[in-house]
Protein backbone atom coordinates (compact mmCIF):
# COMPACT_ATOMS: atom_id res chain seq x y z
CA MET A 1 -2.46 15.24 -31.99
CA ILE A 2 -4.74 12.86 -30.09
CA THR A 3 -7.72 11.65 -32.11
CA PRO A 4 -10.70 10.79 -29.86
CA ASN A 5 -11.97 7.25 -30.27
CA PRO A 6 -14.18 6.43 -27.26
CA LEU A 7 -15.14 2.95 -28.42
CA LEU A 8 -11.51 1.92 -28.79
CA GLY A 9 -10.93 3.58 -25.43
CA ILE A 10 -13.59 1.39 -23.85
CA LEU A 11 -11.97 -1.73 -25.31
CA LEU A 12 -8.63 -0.68 -23.84
CA HIS A 13 -10.34 -0.05 -20.50
CA ALA A 14 -11.61 -3.62 -20.73
CA VAL A 15 -8.07 -4.95 -21.21
CA GLY A 16 -6.91 -2.99 -18.16
CA ALA A 17 -9.87 -4.19 -16.12
CA VAL A 18 -9.15 -7.82 -16.99
CA SER A 19 -5.57 -7.33 -15.90
CA ALA A 20 -6.70 -5.81 -12.60
CA ALA A 21 -9.36 -8.47 -12.01
CA PHE A 22 -6.84 -11.29 -12.22
CA CYS A 23 -3.91 -9.59 -10.51
CA TYR A 24 -4.55 -11.15 -7.10
CA THR A 25 -4.96 -14.72 -8.31
CA PRO A 26 -1.21 -15.53 -8.30
CA GLN A 27 -1.24 -14.99 -4.54
CA LYS A 28 -3.16 -18.24 -4.19
CA GLY A 29 -0.05 -20.14 -5.27
CA THR A 30 2.42 -18.73 -2.75
CA ARG A 31 3.59 -20.87 0.17
CA GLY A 32 5.58 -20.00 3.28
CA TRP A 33 5.29 -16.21 2.89
CA SER A 34 3.46 -13.89 5.25
CA TRP A 35 1.07 -11.33 3.79
CA GLN A 36 3.57 -8.47 4.14
CA THR A 37 6.31 -10.36 2.32
CA TYR A 38 4.16 -11.01 -0.70
CA TRP A 39 2.56 -7.55 -0.65
CA LEU A 40 5.84 -5.66 -0.55
CA ALA A 41 7.37 -7.86 -3.24
CA GLN A 42 4.53 -7.27 -5.71
CA ALA A 43 4.25 -3.58 -4.76
CA THR A 44 7.92 -3.08 -5.57
CA VAL A 45 7.19 -4.33 -9.08
CA CYS A 46 3.91 -2.53 -9.84
CA TRP A 47 4.38 0.72 -7.91
CA LEU A 48 8.11 1.33 -8.13
CA ILE A 49 9.93 -0.54 -10.89
CA LEU A 50 7.41 -0.76 -13.74
CA PRO A 51 6.21 2.87 -13.65
CA ILE A 52 9.81 4.01 -14.09
CA VAL A 53 10.58 1.40 -16.75
CA GLY A 54 7.29 2.08 -18.57
CA ALA A 55 7.93 5.83 -18.68
CA TRP A 56 11.54 5.31 -19.76
CA PHE A 57 10.51 3.28 -22.83
CA THR A 58 7.41 5.26 -23.84
CA ILE A 59 8.14 8.92 -23.02
CA PRO A 60 10.55 10.60 -25.47
CA GLU A 61 13.13 12.87 -23.82
CA LEU A 62 11.98 11.83 -20.36
CA GLY A 63 14.71 13.83 -18.63
CA ALA A 64 13.63 17.03 -20.37
CA VAL A 65 9.98 16.34 -19.53
CA LEU A 66 10.80 15.98 -15.84
CA ARG A 67 12.88 19.17 -15.86
CA GLU A 68 10.12 21.20 -17.53
CA ALA A 69 7.10 19.79 -15.66
CA PRO A 70 5.62 21.88 -12.82
CA ARG A 71 7.05 20.87 -9.44
CA SER A 72 3.68 21.46 -7.78
CA ALA A 73 2.08 18.88 -10.08
CA MET A 74 4.75 16.35 -9.18
CA VAL A 75 4.34 16.90 -5.44
CA ASN A 76 0.54 16.84 -5.49
CA THR A 77 0.46 13.71 -7.63
CA PHE A 78 2.90 11.97 -5.30
CA LEU A 79 0.98 12.90 -2.13
CA LEU A 80 -2.37 11.83 -3.56
CA GLY A 81 -0.74 8.61 -4.74
CA ALA A 82 0.47 8.02 -1.19
CA LEU A 83 -3.12 8.18 0.04
CA TYR A 84 -4.09 5.71 -2.67
CA GLY A 85 -1.35 3.42 -1.35
CA VAL A 86 -3.07 3.38 2.04
CA GLY A 87 -6.28 2.39 0.27
CA GLY A 88 -4.52 -0.33 -1.72
CA THR A 89 -3.09 -1.81 1.47
CA ALA A 90 -6.50 -1.70 3.14
CA PHE A 91 -7.91 -3.42 0.06
CA GLY A 92 -5.42 -6.26 0.30
CA ILE A 93 -6.09 -6.78 4.00
CA ALA A 94 -9.86 -6.71 3.47
CA ILE A 95 -9.60 -9.63 1.03
CA ARG A 96 -8.22 -11.71 3.90
CA TYR A 97 -11.31 -11.00 6.01
CA ILE A 98 -14.26 -11.00 3.60
CA GLY A 99 -13.01 -12.59 0.41
CA PHE A 100 -12.27 -11.63 -3.17
CA SER A 101 -15.72 -10.87 -4.57
CA LEU A 102 -17.19 -8.93 -1.66
CA THR A 103 -14.10 -6.77 -1.23
CA TYR A 104 -14.13 -5.85 -4.91
CA ALA A 105 -17.83 -5.03 -4.87
CA ILE A 106 -17.84 -2.73 -1.84
CA ALA A 107 -14.51 -0.97 -2.35
CA ILE A 108 -14.84 -0.57 -6.10
CA GLY A 109 -18.48 0.53 -5.79
CA ILE A 110 -17.53 3.40 -3.53
CA SER A 111 -14.54 4.28 -5.70
CA CYS A 112 -16.66 4.20 -8.87
CA VAL A 113 -19.11 6.81 -7.64
CA LEU A 114 -16.71 9.08 -5.76
CA GLY A 115 -13.90 8.91 -8.30
CA THR A 116 -16.20 9.75 -11.20
CA VAL A 117 -18.61 12.34 -9.84
CA LEU A 118 -16.51 14.27 -7.31
CA PRO A 119 -13.83 15.53 -9.73
CA ALA A 120 -16.51 16.84 -12.11
CA ILE A 121 -18.31 18.60 -9.24
CA LEU A 122 -15.16 20.08 -7.70
CA HIS A 123 -13.97 21.37 -11.07
CA GLY A 124 -17.39 22.86 -11.85
CA GLU A 125 -17.76 20.74 -14.99
CA LEU A 126 -20.87 18.72 -14.18
CA GLN A 127 -23.38 21.08 -15.79
CA ALA A 128 -21.28 21.40 -18.94
CA ILE A 129 -21.10 17.62 -19.14
CA MET A 130 -24.86 17.29 -18.73
CA ASP A 131 -25.44 19.65 -21.69
CA LYS A 132 -23.49 17.47 -24.13
CA VAL A 133 -24.96 14.97 -26.58
CA GLY A 134 -25.20 11.48 -25.08
CA SER A 135 -24.64 12.64 -21.51
CA GLY A 136 -27.90 11.04 -20.37
CA TYR A 137 -26.65 7.59 -21.37
CA VAL A 138 -23.30 8.21 -19.71
CA ILE A 139 -24.84 9.31 -16.40
CA ALA A 140 -27.35 6.46 -16.59
CA GLY A 141 -24.49 4.03 -17.16
CA ILE A 142 -22.76 5.25 -14.01
CA VAL A 143 -25.96 4.85 -11.95
CA ILE A 144 -26.70 1.42 -13.44
CA GLY A 145 -23.11 0.42 -12.78
CA ALA A 146 -23.39 1.39 -9.12
CA ILE A 147 -26.52 -0.75 -8.83
CA GLY A 148 -24.75 -3.63 -10.54
CA ILE A 149 -21.79 -3.33 -8.17
CA LEU A 150 -24.20 -3.44 -5.22
CA ALA A 151 -25.85 -6.55 -6.66
CA SER A 152 -22.43 -8.12 -7.12
CA GLY A 153 -21.68 -7.40 -3.47
CA MET A 154 -24.91 -9.05 -2.40
CA ALA A 155 -24.05 -12.10 -4.50
CA GLY A 156 -20.65 -12.21 -2.86
CA ARG A 157 -22.19 -12.02 0.59
CA PHE A 158 -24.67 -14.81 -0.25
CA LYS A 159 -21.73 -16.88 -1.44
CA GLU A 160 -19.92 -16.47 1.85
CA LEU A 161 -23.07 -17.42 3.77
CA ASP A 162 -23.52 -20.48 1.58
CA ARG A 163 -19.96 -21.52 2.37
CA GLY A 164 -20.30 -21.16 6.11
CA GLY A 165 -20.25 -17.41 6.73
CA ASN A 166 -17.38 -17.04 9.20
CA ARG A 167 -15.50 -20.08 7.95
CA GLU A 168 -11.84 -19.59 6.99
CA GLY A 169 -11.43 -16.37 8.94
CA PHE A 170 -14.41 -14.49 7.48
CA ASP A 171 -14.93 -11.35 9.57
CA LEU A 172 -17.33 -8.73 8.23
CA ALA A 173 -16.79 -6.44 11.23
CA LYS A 174 -13.10 -6.09 10.33
CA GLY A 175 -13.42 -6.31 6.56
CA LEU A 176 -16.22 -3.79 5.97
CA PRO A 177 -14.45 -0.71 7.44
CA LEU A 178 -11.35 -1.65 5.47
CA CYS A 179 -13.44 -1.85 2.28
CA VAL A 180 -14.93 1.60 2.91
CA LEU A 181 -11.48 3.05 3.53
CA ALA A 182 -10.12 1.31 0.44
CA GLY A 183 -12.99 2.59 -1.69
CA ILE A 184 -12.61 6.20 -0.59
CA LEU A 185 -8.84 6.25 -1.00
CA SER A 186 -8.98 4.33 -4.26
CA ALA A 187 -11.07 7.18 -5.64
CA VAL A 188 -8.22 9.51 -4.67
CA TYR A 189 -6.13 7.87 -7.40
CA GLY A 190 -8.33 9.57 -9.97
CA PHE A 191 -7.48 12.91 -8.36
CA SER A 192 -3.81 11.95 -8.44
CA LEU A 193 -3.98 11.35 -12.19
CA ALA A 194 -5.78 14.67 -12.67
CA ALA A 195 -3.14 16.47 -10.61
CA GLY A 196 -0.47 14.95 -12.86
CA GLN A 197 -2.06 16.05 -16.13
CA PRO A 198 0.25 19.08 -16.48
CA ILE A 199 3.18 16.63 -16.47
CA ALA A 200 1.47 14.57 -19.17
CA ASP A 201 0.89 17.74 -21.20
CA ILE A 202 4.63 18.41 -21.20
CA ALA A 203 5.23 14.79 -22.25
CA ALA A 204 2.78 15.27 -25.11
CA GLN A 205 4.75 18.30 -26.29
CA HIS A 206 7.80 16.04 -26.49
CA GLY A 207 5.97 13.51 -28.66
CA ALA A 208 4.62 11.02 -26.09
CA GLY A 209 1.25 10.90 -27.86
CA TYR A 210 -1.08 8.22 -26.51
CA PHE A 211 1.53 7.17 -23.93
CA GLN A 212 1.67 10.59 -22.25
CA GLY A 213 -0.11 9.33 -19.11
CA ASN A 214 2.75 6.94 -18.30
CA VAL A 215 4.84 9.79 -16.94
CA ILE A 216 2.22 10.48 -14.24
CA TYR A 217 2.68 6.99 -12.80
CA ILE A 218 6.26 7.81 -11.85
CA PHE A 219 4.82 10.07 -9.14
CA ALA A 220 1.39 8.60 -8.39
CA ASN A 221 2.60 5.02 -8.07
CA THR A 222 5.79 5.77 -6.17
CA GLY A 223 3.66 7.68 -3.68
CA ALA A 224 1.56 4.55 -3.29
CA PHE A 225 4.70 2.47 -2.89
CA LEU A 226 5.97 4.67 -0.05
CA THR A 227 2.95 4.14 2.20
CA THR A 228 2.76 0.46 1.30
CA ALA A 229 6.43 -0.06 2.10
CA ILE A 230 6.13 1.71 5.46
CA TYR A 231 3.28 -0.54 6.57
CA SER A 232 4.85 -3.72 5.21
CA LEU A 233 8.22 -2.99 6.84
CA TRP A 234 6.47 -2.28 10.14
CA LEU A 235 4.79 -5.69 9.92
CA HIS A 236 8.11 -7.30 9.06
CA ARG A 237 9.69 -5.81 12.16
CA LYS A 238 6.74 -6.70 14.36
CA HIS A 239 6.55 -10.34 13.25
CA ARG A 240 10.25 -10.79 12.42
CA THR A 241 9.56 -11.95 8.88
CA PHE A 242 12.39 -10.22 6.96
CA GLY A 243 14.08 -13.59 6.49
CA GLU A 244 11.27 -14.91 4.31
CA TYR A 245 12.81 -13.18 1.29
CA VAL A 246 15.85 -15.46 1.45
CA GLU A 247 14.67 -18.58 3.25
CA LEU A 248 11.32 -20.30 3.70
CA PRO A 249 10.21 -22.14 6.86
CA ALA A 250 11.56 -25.64 7.44
CA GLY A 251 10.16 -28.17 5.00
CA GLU A 252 9.78 -25.72 2.10
CA GLU A 253 12.16 -26.21 -0.84
CA ARG A 254 14.22 -23.46 -2.47
CA PRO A 255 12.36 -23.80 -5.81
CA ARG A 256 9.26 -22.73 -3.87
CA LEU A 257 11.00 -19.47 -2.91
CA ARG A 258 11.76 -18.74 -6.57
CA ARG A 259 8.16 -19.58 -7.39
CA ASN A 260 6.93 -17.12 -4.77
CA PHE A 261 9.02 -14.34 -6.30
CA ALA A 262 7.78 -15.24 -9.79
CA LEU A 263 4.16 -15.07 -8.62
CA ALA A 264 4.78 -11.71 -6.93
CA VAL A 265 6.31 -10.37 -10.15
CA LEU A 266 3.31 -11.65 -12.11
CA THR A 267 0.94 -9.89 -9.71
CA GLY A 268 2.90 -6.67 -10.08
CA CYS A 269 2.85 -6.90 -13.88
CA LEU A 270 -0.90 -7.51 -13.94
CA TRP A 271 -1.57 -4.67 -11.53
CA TYR A 272 0.59 -2.26 -13.53
CA GLY A 273 -1.16 -3.48 -16.67
CA GLN A 274 -4.38 -1.86 -15.52
CA PHE A 275 -2.62 1.52 -15.20
CA PHE A 276 -0.90 1.16 -18.56
CA PHE A 277 -4.10 0.40 -20.46
CA TYR A 278 -6.11 2.91 -18.43
CA GLY A 279 -3.79 5.64 -19.68
CA LEU A 280 -4.06 4.47 -23.30
CA ALA A 281 -7.85 4.40 -22.97
CA HIS A 282 -8.31 7.68 -21.12
CA VAL A 283 -6.67 9.86 -23.78
CA ARG A 284 -9.09 8.47 -26.36
CA MET A 285 -12.34 9.17 -24.48
CA GLY A 286 -13.08 12.56 -26.04
CA ASP A 287 -15.80 14.66 -24.40
CA TYR A 288 -16.48 12.10 -21.69
CA LYS A 289 -13.01 11.54 -20.26
CA PHE A 290 -14.54 11.92 -16.82
CA SER A 291 -16.37 8.61 -17.38
CA SER A 292 -13.07 6.70 -17.67
CA TRP A 293 -12.98 5.94 -13.96
CA ALA A 294 -16.55 4.62 -13.92
CA ILE A 295 -15.98 2.47 -17.01
CA HIS A 296 -12.81 1.02 -15.55
CA MET A 297 -14.34 0.31 -12.14
CA ILE A 298 -17.52 -1.24 -13.52
CA MET A 299 -15.56 -3.49 -15.83
CA LEU A 300 -13.25 -4.37 -12.96
CA VAL A 301 -16.16 -5.70 -10.89
CA LEU A 302 -17.62 -7.46 -13.92
CA PHE A 303 -14.40 -9.30 -14.71
CA SER A 304 -13.54 -9.93 -11.06
CA SER A 305 -16.88 -11.71 -10.68
CA LEU A 306 -16.04 -13.79 -13.72
CA ALA A 307 -12.58 -14.42 -12.26
CA GLY A 308 -14.22 -15.74 -9.09
CA PHE A 309 -16.32 -18.03 -11.27
CA ILE A 310 -13.25 -19.31 -13.14
CA TRP A 311 -11.48 -20.00 -9.86
CA ARG A 312 -14.59 -21.87 -8.65
CA GLU A 313 -15.34 -19.50 -5.80
CA TRP A 314 -19.04 -19.96 -6.52
CA THR A 315 -19.01 -23.77 -6.40
CA GLY A 316 -21.68 -25.20 -4.12
CA CYS A 317 -23.69 -21.97 -3.84
CA LYS A 318 -27.48 -21.98 -3.47
CA PRO A 319 -29.85 -20.99 -6.31
CA ARG A 320 -30.50 -17.52 -4.83
CA THR A 321 -26.77 -16.79 -5.00
CA TRP A 322 -26.56 -17.82 -8.64
CA VAL A 323 -29.63 -15.73 -9.47
CA MET A 324 -28.08 -12.69 -7.81
CA LEU A 325 -24.77 -13.27 -9.57
CA VAL A 326 -26.40 -13.56 -13.00
CA LEU A 327 -28.51 -10.46 -12.27
CA ALA A 328 -25.42 -8.53 -11.21
CA LEU A 329 -23.53 -9.51 -14.36
CA ALA A 330 -26.49 -8.53 -16.55
CA ILE A 331 -26.75 -5.12 -14.85
CA LEU A 332 -23.02 -4.50 -15.16
CA ILE A 333 -23.08 -5.41 -18.84
CA GLY A 334 -26.03 -3.04 -19.29
CA ALA A 335 -24.03 -0.28 -17.61
CA VAL A 336 -21.09 -0.80 -19.96
CA LEU A 337 -23.41 -0.74 -22.98
CA SER A 338 -25.06 2.49 -21.78
CA LEU A 339 -21.70 4.14 -21.20
CA SER A 340 -20.45 2.95 -24.58
CA TYR A 341 -23.50 4.27 -26.41
CA GLY A 342 -23.32 7.63 -24.65
CA ASN A 343 -19.66 7.99 -25.60
CA TYR A 344 -20.49 6.94 -29.16
CA LEU A 345 -23.16 9.64 -29.43
CA GLY A 346 -20.70 12.19 -28.11
CA GLU A 347 -18.17 11.14 -30.72
CA ILE A 348 -20.47 11.29 -33.76
CA ALA A 349 -21.83 14.68 -32.62
CA HIS A 350 -18.35 16.09 -33.36
CA ALA A 351 -17.75 14.06 -36.50
CA PRO A 352 -17.57 16.08 -39.74
CA HIS A 353 -20.80 15.94 -41.71
């Protein structure tokens, strides 16, 4: 029996968002690897290995669960996950063109709105949600969060202008379409998780409890891995970079190769961490489970902005950039507080008197 606890759920969402916000930072330490080498290495960890390992250790009688789960749910979850993989790849490429902060703001902003509102509309649940206690704060939190994400994007753009605009390969014309694609297909991941709920329900019947969502990742994440692997292998063939997994260019030492693999594994663990804690949080959200995606995305932008600050991405920026950054952080914090309060009101409305 799952006991709703939205406030604990929000804290777990925060842990997952921190993990996601920092998952790309290890990439800064790699040397001698092309983008596709690093991307496929970390994707193998977060989208193929860890979902299987995580389910194996947290889902009782996993074999029986997979035999009993609806095949249609497995297929739909896998296919939607494959679309998400396209978005994840676009996301990674966009970072190369427009930077860490701006990519997060645009892509996650689109994903936040689409991934939260569309499922409720398509399932005909929006009106029922609006009639519940605290729904006004939840909806307001989503709107405020979207505004905060936009402000974060503006701060990121100001930062790039302060640092020379097109310096270091900055290319908005290439990066913006990739961000839009990444945002739309990132929202699809929420649909993938919803499609996999019947599998999680079977896992719950076998005693998976709060870990029931881990079984969905076997299908959603491996779907993402398939599309990522296809693109990465195509790049390997095009640029003849397969050899980078066993030997670095002349002048690079073998310890550097081991370091590259270690950093790729760390990225994969951090990226999978967001899924792991998202699942633990989502099952605790009670009446407002639909808000999980918005909470996660808003916190992701909030912590990614702070990650950029820690990694000194904002060093040397003009006062207007700092003002916009502080404003964005304040708005995002306000959104989280509004969402938290709305979920709290929904919880106490069902508490025994």
